[in-house]
PDB file of N, CA and C in Angstrom:
ATOM      1  N   UNK A   1      28.125   8.499  37.818  1.00  0.00           N
ATOM      2  CA  UNK A   1      28.316   7.305  37.157  1.00  0.00           C
ATOM      3  C   UNK A   1      29.330   7.293  36.081  1.00  0.00           C
ATOM      4  N   UNK A   2      30.146   6.654  35.998  1.00  0.00           N
ATOM      5  CA  UNK A   2      31.246   7.219  35.084  1.00  0.00           C
ATOM      6  C   UNK A   2      31.103   5.885  33.882  1.00  0.00           C
ATOM      7  N   UNK A   3      30.519   6.744  32.686  1.00  0.00           N
ATOM      8  CA  UNK A   3      30.839   5.681  31.660  1.00  0.00           C
ATOM      9  C   UNK A   3      31.877   5.957  30.571  1.00  0.00           C
ATOM     10  N   UNK A   4      32.265   4.735  29.929  1.00  0.00           N
ATOM     11  CA  UNK A   4      33.492   4.677  29.478  1.00  0.00           C
ATOM     12  C   UNK A   4      33.228   4.799  27.850  1.00  0.00           C
ATOM     13  N   UNK A   5      33.662   5.494  27.098  1.00  0.00           N
ATOM     14  CA  UNK A   5      33.194   5.432  25.658  1.00  0.00           C
ATOM     15  C   UNK A   5      34.406   4.759  24.559  1.00  0.00           C
ATOM     16  N   UNK A   6      33.803   4.088  23.960  1.00  0.00           N
ATOM     17  CA  UNK A   6      34.422   3.492  22.992  1.00  0.00           C
ATOM     18  C   UNK A   6      34.422   3.849  21.784  1.00  0.00           C
ATOM     19  N   UNK A   7      35.200   4.637  20.837  1.00  0.00           N
ATOM     20  CA  UNK A   7      35.099   4.970  19.401  1.00  0.00           C
ATOM     21  C   UNK A   7      34.642   4.077  18.568  1.00  0.00           C
ATOM     22  N   UNK A   8      33.888   4.395  17.283  1.00  0.00           N
ATOM     23  CA  UNK A   8      33.802   3.173  16.222  1.00  0.00           C
ATOM     24  C   UNK A   8      33.001   4.287  15.373  1.00  0.00           C
ATOM     25  N   UNK A   9      33.163   3.651  14.159  1.00  0.00           N
ATOM     26  CA  UNK A   9      32.970   4.312  12.890  1.00  0.00           C
ATOM     27  C   UNK A   9      31.028   4.208  12.349  1.00  0.00           C
ATOM     28  N   UNK A  10      30.571   2.972  13.310  1.00  0.00           N
ATOM     29  CA  UNK A  10      29.461   2.644  13.231  1.00  0.00           C
ATOM     30  C   UNK A  10      28.503   3.312  14.288  1.00  0.00           C
ATOM     31  N   UNK A  11      28.062   4.589  14.287  1.00  0.00           N
ATOM     32  CA  UNK A  11      27.382   5.084  15.140  1.00  0.00           C
ATOM     33  C   UNK A  11      26.032   5.906  14.864  1.00  0.00           C
ATOM     34  N   UNK A  12      25.220   5.230  14.107  1.00  0.00           N
ATOM     35  CA  UNK A  12      24.122   5.391  13.931  1.00  0.00           C
ATOM     36  C   UNK A  12      22.730   5.123  15.103  1.00  0.00           C
ATOM     37  N   UNK A  13      23.463   4.269  16.105  1.00  0.00           N
ATOM     38  CA  UNK A  13      22.381   4.131  16.993  1.00  0.00           C
ATOM     39  C   UNK A  13      23.520   4.387  18.506  1.00  0.00           C
ATOM     40  N   UNK A  14      22.668   4.766  19.552  1.00  0.00           N
ATOM     41  CA  UNK A  14      23.420   4.976  20.674  1.00  0.00           C
ATOM     42  C   UNK A  14      23.084   3.697  21.634  1.00  0.00           C
ATOM     43  N   UNK A  15      24.658   3.291  21.814  1.00  0.00           N
ATOM     44  CA  UNK A  15      24.696   1.935  22.393  1.00  0.00           C
ATOM     45  C   UNK A  15      25.406   2.013  24.134  1.00  0.00           C
ATOM     46  N   UNK A  16      24.484   1.249  24.855  1.00  0.00           N
ATOM     47  CA  UNK A  16      25.007   1.459  26.556  1.00  0.00           C
ATOM     48  C   UNK A  16      25.085   0.063  26.978  1.00  0.00           C
ATOM     49  N   UNK A  17      26.202  -0.325  27.246  1.00  0.00           N
ATOM     50  CA  UNK A  17      26.260  -1.946  27.839  1.00  0.00           C
ATOM     51  C   UNK A  17      26.643  -1.566  29.266  1.00  0.00           C
ATOM     52  N   UNK A  18      25.517  -2.341  30.018  1.00  0.00           N
ATOM     53  CA  UNK A  18      26.029  -2.461  31.330  1.00  0.00           C
ATOM     54  C   UNK A  18      26.652  -3.935  31.581  1.00  0.00           C
ATOM     55  N   UNK A  19      28.033  -4.100  32.238  1.00  0.00           N
ATOM     56  CA  UNK A  19      28.771  -5.208  31.995  1.00  0.00           C
ATOM     57  C   UNK A  19      29.243  -5.428  33.697  1.00  0.00           C
ATOM     58  N   UNK A  20      29.803  -6.567  33.786  1.00  0.00           N
ATOM     59  CA  UNK A  20      30.643  -6.899  35.120  1.00  0.00           C
ATOM     60  C   UNK A  20      32.097  -6.895  34.600  1.00  0.00           C
ATOM     61  N   UNK A  21      33.120  -6.312  35.234  1.00  0.00           N
ATOM     62  CA  UNK A  21      34.577  -6.114  34.439  1.00  0.00           C
ATOM     63  C   UNK A  21      35.165  -7.605  34.670  1.00  0.00           C
ATOM     64  N   UNK A  22      34.593  -8.714  35.328  1.00  0.00           N
ATOM     65  CA  UNK A  22      35.108  -9.850  35.452  1.00  0.00           C
ATOM     66  C   UNK A  22      34.872 -10.900  34.305  1.00  0.00           C
ATOM     67  N   UNK A  23      33.572 -10.436  33.873  1.00  0.00           N
ATOM     68  CA  UNK A  23      32.610 -11.653  32.961  1.00  0.00           C
ATOM     69  C   UNK A  23      32.665 -11.529  31.552  1.00  0.00           C
ATOM     70  N   UNK A  24      33.117 -13.186  31.348  1.00  0.00           N
ATOM     71  CA  UNK A  24      33.513 -13.568  29.887  1.00  0.00           C
ATOM     72  C   UNK A  24      32.754 -12.901  28.629  1.00  0.00           C
ATOM     73  N   UNK A  25      31.452 -13.307  29.092  1.00  0.00           N
ATOM     74  CA  UNK A  25      30.233 -12.859  27.932  1.00  0.00           C
ATOM     75  C   UNK A  25      30.139 -11.397  27.951  1.00  0.00           C
ATOM     76  N   UNK A  26      30.421 -10.617  28.868  1.00  0.00           N
ATOM     77  CA  UNK A  26      30.422  -8.844  28.542  1.00  0.00           C
ATOM     78  C   UNK A  26      31.598  -8.638  27.937  1.00  0.00           C
ATOM     79  N   UNK A  27      32.798  -9.268  28.467  1.00  0.00           N
ATOM     80  CA  UNK A  27      34.077  -9.033  27.255  1.00  0.00           C
ATOM     81  C   UNK A  27      33.684  -9.413  25.673  1.00  0.00           C
ATOM     82  N   UNK A  28      33.334 -10.372  25.688  1.00  0.00           N
ATOM     83  CA  UNK A  28      33.084 -10.868  24.295  1.00  0.00           C
ATOM     84  C   UNK A  28      31.866  -9.937  23.578  1.00  0.00           C
ATOM     85  N   UNK A  29      31.009  -9.543  24.333  1.00  0.00           N
ATOM     86  CA  UNK A  29      29.860  -8.374  23.883  1.00  0.00           C
ATOM     87  C   UNK A  29      30.602  -7.295  23.240  1.00  0.00           C
ATOM     88  N   UNK A  30      31.798  -6.773  24.141  1.00  0.00           N
ATOM     89  CA  UNK A  30      32.531  -5.775  23.932  1.00  0.00           C
ATOM     90  C   UNK A  30      33.260  -5.670  22.690  1.00  0.00           C
ATOM     91  N   UNK A  31      33.921  -7.119  22.629  1.00  0.00           N
ATOM     92  CA  UNK A  31      34.909  -7.052  21.670  1.00  0.00           C
ATOM     93  C   UNK A  31      34.028  -7.202  20.081  1.00  0.00           C
ATOM     94  N   UNK A  32      32.833  -7.778  20.354  1.00  0.00           N
ATOM     95  CA  UNK A  32      32.029  -8.185  19.191  1.00  0.00           C
ATOM     96  C   UNK A  32      31.522  -6.833  18.635  1.00  0.00           C
ATOM     97  N   UNK A  33      31.259  -5.871  19.539  1.00  0.00           N
ATOM     98  CA  UNK A  33      30.794  -4.738  19.131  1.00  0.00           C
ATOM     99  C   UNK A  33      32.293  -3.557  18.372  1.00  0.00           C
ATOM    100  N   UNK A  34      33.283  -3.954  19.161  1.00  0.00           N
ATOM    101  CA  UNK A  34      34.507  -3.382  18.659  1.00  0.00           C
ATOM    102  C   UNK A  34      35.008  -3.765  17.235  1.00  0.00           C
ATOM    103  N   UNK A  35      34.711  -5.031  17.172  1.00  0.00           N
ATOM    104  CA  UNK A  35      35.160  -5.643  16.060  1.00  0.00           C
ATOM    105  C   UNK A  35      34.188  -5.110  14.655  1.00  0.00           C
ATOM    106  N   UNK A  36      33.010  -4.882  14.980  1.00  0.00           N
ATOM    107  CA  UNK A  36      32.160  -4.299  13.911  1.00  0.00           C
ATOM    108  C   UNK A  36      31.879  -2.839  14.034  1.00  0.00           C
ATOM    109  N   UNK A  37      33.124  -2.050  14.770  1.00  0.00           N
ATOM    110  CA  UNK A  37      33.370  -0.648  14.736  1.00  0.00           C
ATOM    111  C   UNK A  37      32.100  -0.007  15.075  1.00  0.00           C
ATOM    112  N   UNK A  38      31.542  -0.446  15.909  1.00  0.00           N
ATOM    113  CA  UNK A  38      30.321   0.203  16.657  1.00  0.00           C
ATOM    114  C   UNK A  38      30.651   0.615  17.978  1.00  0.00           C
ATOM    115  N   UNK A  39      30.415   2.197  17.654  1.00  0.00           N
ATOM    116  CA  UNK A  39      30.892   3.140  18.955  1.00  0.00           C
ATOM    117  C   UNK A  39      29.844   2.679  20.359  1.00  0.00           C
ATOM    118  N   UNK A  40      29.960   2.822  21.274  1.00  0.00           N
ATOM    119  CA  UNK A  40      29.249   2.489  22.302  1.00  0.00           C
ATOM    120  C   UNK A  40      29.966   2.918  23.750  1.00  0.00           C
ATOM    121  N   UNK A  41      28.999   3.078  24.753  1.00  0.00           N
ATOM    122  CA  UNK A  41      29.986   3.505  25.814  1.00  0.00           C
ATOM    123  C   UNK A  41      29.385   1.906  27.248  1.00  0.00           C
ATOM    124  N   UNK A  42      30.326   1.935  28.054  1.00  0.00           N
ATOM    125  CA  UNK A  42      29.863   1.005  28.884  1.00  0.00           C
ATOM    126  C   UNK A  42      30.178   1.167  30.142  1.00  0.00           C
ATOM    127  N   UNK A  43      29.599   0.476  31.412  1.00  0.00           N
ATOM    128  CA  UNK A  43      29.631   0.955  32.782  1.00  0.00           C
ATOM    129  C   UNK A  43      29.778  -0.587  33.348  1.00  0.00           C
ATOM    130  N   UNK A  44      30.940  -0.600  33.754  1.00  0.00           N
ATOM    131  CA  UNK A  44      31.365  -1.991  34.707  1.00  0.00           C
ATOM    132  C   UNK A  44      30.291  -1.848  35.896  1.00  0.00           C
ATOM    133  N   UNK A  45      29.569  -2.441  36.128  1.00  0.00           N
ATOM    134  CA  UNK A  45      28.700  -2.409  37.192  1.00  0.00           C
ATOM    135  C   UNK A  45      29.121  -2.589  38.739  1.00  0.00           C
ATOM    136  N   UNK A  46      29.892  -3.785  38.431  1.00  0.00           N
ATOM    137  CA  UNK A  46      30.725  -4.185  39.608  1.00  0.00           C
ATOM    138  C   UNK A  46      31.676  -3.012  40.523  1.00  0.00           C
ATOM    139  N   UNK A  47      32.043  -2.088  39.583  1.00  0.00           N
ATOM    140  CA  UNK A  47      32.760  -0.638  39.808  1.00  0.00           C
ATOM    141  C   UNK A  47      32.226  -0.007  40.406  1.00  0.00           C
ATOM    142  N   UNK A  48      30.876   0.335  40.531  1.00  0.00           N
ATOM    143  CA  UNK A  48      29.948   1.644  40.970  1.00  0.00           C
ATOM    144  C   UNK A  48      29.753   1.329  42.375  1.00  0.00           C
ATOM    145  N   UNK A  49      29.135   2.405  42.846  1.00  0.00           N
ATOM    146  CA  UNK A  49      28.491   2.695  44.115  1.00  0.00           C
ATOM    147  C   UNK A  49      27.265   1.926  44.152  1.00  0.00           C
ATOM    148  N   UNK A  50      26.938   1.408  45.423  1.00  0.00           N
ATOM    149  CA  UNK A  50      25.367   0.846  45.661  1.00  0.00           C
ATOM    150  C   UNK A  50      24.541   1.613  45.327  1.00  0.00           C
ATOM    151  N   UNK A  51      24.546   3.063  45.298  1.00  0.00           N
ATOM    152  CA  UNK A  51      23.367   3.875  44.961  1.00  0.00           C
ATOM    153  C   UNK A  51      23.313   3.818  43.350  1.00  0.00           C
ATOM    154  N   UNK A  52      24.432   3.641  42.843  1.00  0.00           N
ATOM    155  CA  UNK A  52      24.381   3.478  41.060  1.00  0.00           C
ATOM    156  C   UNK A  52      24.003   1.990  40.945  1.00  0.00           C
ATOM    157  N   UNK A  53      24.345   1.114  41.505  1.00  0.00           N
ATOM    158  CA  UNK A  53      23.788  -0.407  41.494  1.00  0.00           C
ATOM    159  C   UNK A  53      22.327  -0.333  41.061  1.00  0.00           C
ATOM    160  N   UNK A  54      21.835   0.414  42.464  1.00  0.00           N
ATOM    161  CA  UNK A  54      20.177   0.350  42.060  1.00  0.00           C
ATOM    162  C   UNK A  54      19.715   1.346  41.055  1.00  0.00           C
ATOM    163  N   UNK A  55      20.163   2.376  40.734  1.00  0.00           N
ATOM    164  CA  UNK A  55      19.854   3.048  39.484  1.00  0.00           C
ATOM    165  C   UNK A  55      19.922   2.414  38.194  1.00  0.00           C
ATOM    166  N   UNK A  56      21.058   1.481  37.964  1.00  0.00           N
ATOM    167  CA  UNK A  56      21.191   0.544  36.961  1.00  0.00           C
ATOM    168  C   UNK A  56      20.107  -0.563  37.037  1.00  0.00           C
ATOM    169  N   UNK A  57      19.880  -1.179  37.916  1.00  0.00           N
ATOM    170  CA  UNK A  57      19.080  -2.024  38.025  1.00  0.00           C
ATOM    171  C   UNK A  57      17.600  -1.445  37.887  1.00  0.00           C
ATOM    172  N   UNK A  58      17.393  -0.301  38.254  1.00  0.00           N
ATOM    173  CA  UNK A  58      15.999   0.172  37.748  1.00  0.00           C
ATOM    174  C   UNK A  58      15.883   0.801  36.275  1.00  0.00           C
ATOM    175  N   UNK A  59      17.096   1.138  35.783  1.00  0.00           N
ATOM    176  CA  UNK A  59      17.242   1.469  34.291  1.00  0.00           C
ATOM    177  C   UNK A  59      16.771  -0.098  33.297  1.00  0.00           C
ATOM    178  N   UNK A  60      17.386  -0.671  33.718  1.00  0.00           N
ATOM    179  CA  UNK A  60      17.456  -2.125  32.958  1.00  0.00           C
ATOM    180  C   UNK A  60      15.924  -2.673  33.315  1.00  0.00           C
ATOM    181  N   UNK A  61      15.340  -2.768  34.428  1.00  0.00           N
ATOM    182  CA  UNK A  61      14.093  -3.160  34.423  1.00  0.00           C
ATOM    183  C   UNK A  61      13.105  -2.385  33.747  1.00  0.00           C
ATOM    184  N   UNK A  62      13.137  -1.255  33.760  1.00  0.00           N
ATOM    185  CA  UNK A  62      12.654  -0.223  33.340  1.00  0.00           C
ATOM    186  C   UNK A  62      12.213  -0.267  31.686  1.00  0.00           C
ATOM    187  N   UNK A  63      13.319  -1.176  31.209  1.00  0.00           N
ATOM    188  CA  UNK A  63      13.067  -1.457  29.831  1.00  0.00           C
ATOM    189  C   UNK A  63      12.858  -2.875  29.694  1.00  0.00           C
ATOM    190  N   UNK A  64      12.185  -3.606  30.621  1.00  0.00           N
ATOM    191  CA  UNK A  64      11.490  -4.869  30.443  1.00  0.00           C
ATOM    192  C   UNK A  64      12.398  -5.923  30.482  1.00  0.00           C
ATOM    193  N   UNK A  65      13.708  -5.637  31.179  1.00  0.00           N
ATOM    194  CA  UNK A  65      14.848  -7.019  30.796  1.00  0.00           C
ATOM    195  C   UNK A  65      14.940  -7.124  32.544  1.00  0.00           C
ATOM    196  N   UNK A  66      15.484  -8.409  32.601  1.00  0.00           N
ATOM    197  CA  UNK A  66      15.753  -8.730  34.334  1.00  0.00           C
ATOM    198  C   UNK A  66      17.045  -8.250  34.449  1.00  0.00           C
ATOM    199  N   UNK A  67      17.723  -7.836  35.535  1.00  0.00           N
ATOM    200  CA  UNK A  67      19.109  -7.304  35.660  1.00  0.00           C
ATOM    201  C   UNK A  67      20.178  -8.249  35.701  1.00  0.00           C
ATOM    202  N   UNK A  68      20.264  -8.408  34.277  1.00  0.00           N
ATOM    203  CA  UNK A  68      21.259  -9.319  34.096  1.00  0.00           C
ATOM    204  C   UNK A  68      22.720  -8.792  33.032  1.00  0.00           C
ATOM    205  N   UNK A  69      23.525  -9.499  33.385  1.00  0.00           N
ATOM    206  CA  UNK A  69      24.960  -8.988  32.375  1.00  0.00           C
ATOM    207  C   UNK A  69      25.505  -9.796  31.414  1.00  0.00           C
ATOM    208  N   UNK A  70      25.849  -9.172  30.217  1.00  0.00           N
ATOM    209  CA  UNK A  70      25.836  -8.096  29.890  1.00  0.00           C
ATOM    210  C   UNK A  70      24.080  -7.522  29.463  1.00  0.00           C
ATOM    211  N   UNK A  71      23.802  -6.387  29.611  1.00  0.00           N
ATOM    212  CA  UNK A  71      22.547  -5.870  29.162  1.00  0.00           C
ATOM    213  C   UNK A  71      22.897  -4.878  28.211  1.00  0.00           C
ATOM    214  N   UNK A  72      22.601  -4.735  27.086  1.00  0.00           N
ATOM    215  CA  UNK A  72      22.827  -3.727  25.920  1.00  0.00           C
ATOM    216  C   UNK A  72      21.646  -3.152  25.793  1.00  0.00           C
ATOM    217  N   UNK A  73      21.712  -1.588  26.163  1.00  0.00           N
ATOM    218  CA  UNK A  73      20.483  -0.675  25.804  1.00  0.00           C
ATOM    219  C   UNK A  73      20.797   0.108  24.253  1.00  0.00           C
ATOM    220  N   UNK A  74      19.928   0.065  23.619  1.00  0.00           N
ATOM    221  CA  UNK A  74      19.987   0.361  22.242  1.00  0.00           C
ATOM    222  C   UNK A  74      19.402   1.674  22.133  1.00  0.00           C
ATOM    223  N   UNK A  75      19.483   2.704  21.746  1.00  0.00           N
ATOM    224  CA  UNK A  75      18.563   3.978  21.606  1.00  0.00           C
ATOM    225  C   UNK A  75      17.808   4.389  22.851  1.00  0.00           C
ATOM    226  N   UNK A  76      18.252   3.804  23.925  1.00  0.00           N
ATOM    227  CA  UNK A  76      17.530   4.193  25.457  1.00  0.00           C
ATOM    228  C   UNK A  76      16.505   3.606  25.219  1.00  0.00           C
ATOM    229  N   UNK A  77      16.139   2.376  24.469  1.00  0.00           N
ATOM    230  CA  UNK A  77      14.791   1.973  24.771  1.00  0.00           C
ATOM    231  C   UNK A  77      14.847   0.336  24.594  1.00  0.00           C
ATOM    232  N   UNK A  78      15.546   0.059  23.610  1.00  0.00           N
ATOM    233  CA  UNK A  78      15.748  -2.007  23.114  1.00  0.00           C
ATOM    234  C   UNK A  78      16.721  -2.307  24.154  1.00  0.00           C
ATOM    235  N   UNK A  79      16.484  -3.210  25.097  1.00  0.00           N
ATOM    236  CA  UNK A  79      17.284  -3.938  25.950  1.00  0.00           C
ATOM    237  C   UNK A  79      17.626  -5.444  25.509  1.00  0.00           C
ATOM    238  N   UNK A  80      18.649  -5.658  25.419  1.00  0.00           N
ATOM    239  CA  UNK A  80      19.303  -7.118  25.030  1.00  0.00           C
ATOM    240  C   UNK A  80      20.134  -7.747  26.058  1.00  0.00           C
ATOM    241  N   UNK A  81      19.502  -8.853  26.617  1.00  0.00           N
ATOM    242  CA  UNK A  81      19.967  -9.236  27.850  1.00  0.00           C
ATOM    243  C   UNK A  81      20.917 -10.661  27.592  1.00  0.00           C
ATOM    244  N   UNK A  82      22.286 -10.500  27.748  1.00  0.00           N
ATOM    245  CA  UNK A  82      23.351 -11.592  27.309  1.00  0.00           C
ATOM    246  C   UNK A  82      24.102 -11.192  25.877  1.00  0.00           C
ATOM    247  N   UNK A  83      24.752 -12.086  25.803  1.00  0.00           N
ATOM    248  CA  UNK A  83      25.722 -11.868  24.535  1.00  0.00           C
ATOM    249  C   UNK A  83      24.814 -12.720  23.241  1.00  0.00           C
ATOM    250  N   UNK A  84      24.361 -12.068  22.853  1.00  0.00           N
ATOM    251  CA  UNK A  84      23.219 -12.590  21.751  1.00  0.00           C
ATOM    252  C   UNK A  84      23.323 -11.834  20.553  1.00  0.00           C
ATOM    253  N   UNK A  85      24.428 -12.465  19.813  1.00  0.00           N
ATOM    254  CA  UNK A  85      24.876 -11.769  18.429  1.00  0.00           C
ATOM    255  C   UNK A  85      23.597 -11.668  17.365  1.00  0.00           C
ATOM    256  N   UNK A  86      22.578 -12.358  17.307  1.00  0.00           N
ATOM    257  CA  UNK A  86      21.745 -12.297  16.469  1.00  0.00           C
ATOM    258  C   UNK A  86      20.876 -11.379  17.005  1.00  0.00           C
ATOM    259  N   UNK A  87      20.421 -10.992  18.046  1.00  0.00           N
ATOM    260  CA  UNK A  87      19.704  -9.909  18.544  1.00  0.00           C
ATOM    261  C   UNK A  87      20.463  -8.428  18.421  1.00  0.00           C
ATOM    262  N   UNK A  88      21.925  -8.545  18.528  1.00  0.00           N
ATOM    263  CA  UNK A  88      22.618  -7.428  18.770  1.00  0.00           C
ATOM    264  C   UNK A  88      22.537  -6.967  17.425  1.00  0.00           C
ATOM    265  N   UNK A  89      23.076  -7.829  16.116  1.00  0.00           N
ATOM    266  CA  UNK A  89      22.969  -7.536  14.636  1.00  0.00           C
ATOM    267  C   UNK A  89      21.896  -6.958  14.215  1.00  0.00           C
ATOM    268  N   UNK A  90      20.566  -7.734  14.453  1.00  0.00           N
ATOM    269  CA  UNK A  90      19.501  -7.043  14.136  1.00  0.00           C
ATOM    270  C   UNK A  90      19.172  -5.322  14.808  1.00  0.00           C
ATOM    271  N   UNK A  91      19.363  -5.295  15.802  1.00  0.00           N
ATOM    272  CA  UNK A  91      19.236  -4.123  16.635  1.00  0.00           C
ATOM    273  C   UNK A  91      19.929  -3.109  16.192  1.00  0.00           C
ATOM    274  N   UNK A  92      21.243  -3.220  15.850  1.00  0.00           N
ATOM    275  CA  UNK A  92      22.104  -2.381  15.172  1.00  0.00           C
ATOM    276  C   UNK A  92      22.359  -2.282  13.502  1.00  0.00           C
ATOM    277  N   UNK A  93      21.535  -3.102  13.123  1.00  0.00           N
ATOM    278  CA  UNK A  93      21.623  -3.151  11.599  1.00  0.00           C
ATOM    279  C   UNK A  93      22.968  -3.631  10.966  1.00  0.00           C
ATOM    280  N   UNK A  94      23.709  -4.468  11.851  1.00  0.00           N
ATOM    281  CA  UNK A  94      25.031  -4.791  10.990  1.00  0.00           C
ATOM    282  C   UNK A  94      24.870  -6.169  10.687  1.00  0.00           C
TER     283      UNK A  94
END
């Protein structure tokens, strides 16, 4: 499964976004992170194989979140579902 890395000066947390390539909320989440110089990786779920879809769903659910997009995984454990600036800022200390 291909991850796309977006460089940023703020790299104290490992950030992974599961997104849909055409989703407005997903695009706003990526823009918000970029505007705040947060380094992150993302996977556009709709552009992956069925096998990868299942792995992604399992990963999201293992973090206690429903399979919804965008889902932001911080440091491999915290899952934030949806474009929630308040929760993103808190988790990333920005």
